[in-house]
Amino acid sequence: MEKENFLKYAPWLAVALAFFMQYNLFVTPAQLKDAQIDILMKVDQKYATKETGADLKNRLDNMQYKIDEIYKIISKKGGF
């Protein structure tokens, strides 16, 4: 009985398997690793890390402090 069911559905199984293979629905570990490396490179190019963001914020805060100090010096001398 089981052999008859298998023979009955074998063409459909073959079509499904061909479909999966044609559209690369099964991937190898090497393909997954290549895709992971590609995704990580794109993310690295597009987004900044927390450390980079914090460093940039500190540098901007430092620049703002220096600009404020320059403004205070100029305003004391009567420049504005």
Protein backbone atom coordinates (compact mmCIF):
# COMPACT_ATOMS: atom_id res chain seq x y z
CA MET A 1 0.00 0.00 0.00
CA GLU A 2 2.77 2.47 0.87
CA LYS A 3 4.58 1.78 -2.40
CA GLU A 4 1.40 2.56 -4.31
CA ASN A 5 1.01 5.90 -2.52
CA PHE A 6 4.63 6.72 -3.21
CA LEU A 7 4.24 5.92 -6.92
CA LYS A 8 1.02 7.94 -6.99
CA TYR A 9 2.69 11.07 -5.61
CA ALA A 10 6.18 10.60 -7.07
CA PRO A 11 5.62 12.93 -10.06
CA TRP A 12 4.44 15.70 -7.75
CA LEU A 13 7.43 15.16 -5.50
CA ALA A 14 9.73 15.36 -8.51
CA VAL A 15 8.09 18.61 -9.66
CA ALA A 16 8.37 20.11 -6.16
CA LEU A 17 12.02 19.08 -5.88
CA ALA A 18 12.79 20.56 -9.32
CA PHE A 19 11.05 23.79 -8.31
CA PHE A 20 13.07 24.04 -5.10
CA MET A 21 16.32 23.42 -6.90
CA GLN A 22 15.51 25.80 -9.77
CA TYR A 23 14.84 28.73 -7.45
CA ASN A 24 17.71 27.89 -5.08
CA LEU A 25 15.49 27.31 -2.09
CA PHE A 26 18.04 24.85 -0.73
CA VAL A 27 21.35 26.48 0.09
CA THR A 28 24.70 25.10 1.11
CA PRO A 29 26.60 26.26 4.19
CA ALA A 30 29.13 27.94 1.88
CA GLN A 31 26.35 29.97 0.25
CA LEU A 32 25.03 30.97 3.68
CA LYS A 33 28.49 32.08 4.78
CA ASP A 34 28.94 34.17 1.61
CA ALA A 35 25.53 35.79 2.15
CA GLN A 36 26.39 36.50 5.79
CA ILE A 37 29.68 38.15 4.84
CA ASP A 38 27.90 40.25 2.21
CA ILE A 39 25.23 41.37 4.70
CA LEU A 40 27.81 42.21 7.36
CA MET A 41 29.82 44.30 4.88
CA LYS A 42 26.70 46.24 3.83
CA VAL A 43 25.71 46.84 7.46
CA ASP A 44 29.24 47.97 8.32
CA GLN A 45 29.19 50.49 5.45
CA LYS A 46 25.75 51.88 6.25
CA TYR A 47 25.53 51.98 10.04
CA ALA A 48 27.81 53.23 12.79
CA THR A 49 28.60 51.37 15.98
CA LYS A 50 27.63 52.68 19.41
CA GLU A 51 31.25 53.48 20.16
CA THR A 52 31.66 55.50 16.97
CA GLY A 53 28.43 57.38 17.66
CA ALA A 54 29.45 58.15 21.23
CA ASP A 55 32.89 59.33 20.09
CA LEU A 56 31.34 61.61 17.47
CA LYS A 57 28.93 63.04 20.06
CA ASN A 58 31.80 63.75 22.45
CA ARG A 59 33.77 65.48 19.72
CA LEU A 60 30.77 67.61 18.74
CA ASP A 61 30.13 68.53 22.38
CA ASN A 62 33.79 69.54 22.72
CA MET A 63 33.55 71.68 19.58
CA GLN A 64 30.38 73.35 20.88
CA TYR A 65 32.11 74.11 24.19
CA LYS A 66 35.04 75.71 22.36
CA ILE A 67 32.71 77.78 20.19
CA ASP A 68 30.87 78.97 23.30
CA GLU A 69 34.19 79.97 24.90
CA ILE A 70 35.22 81.90 21.78
CA TYR A 71 31.84 83.67 21.76
CA LYS A 72 32.27 84.66 25.42
CA ILE A 73 35.74 86.09 24.75
CA ILE A 74 34.56 88.07 21.72
CA SER A 75 31.49 89.39 23.54
CA LYS A 76 33.63 90.54 26.52
CA LYS A 77 35.82 92.59 24.16
CA GLY A 78 32.77 94.25 22.68
CA GLY A 79 32.93 92.57 19.31
CA PHE A 80 29.19 91.97 19.07
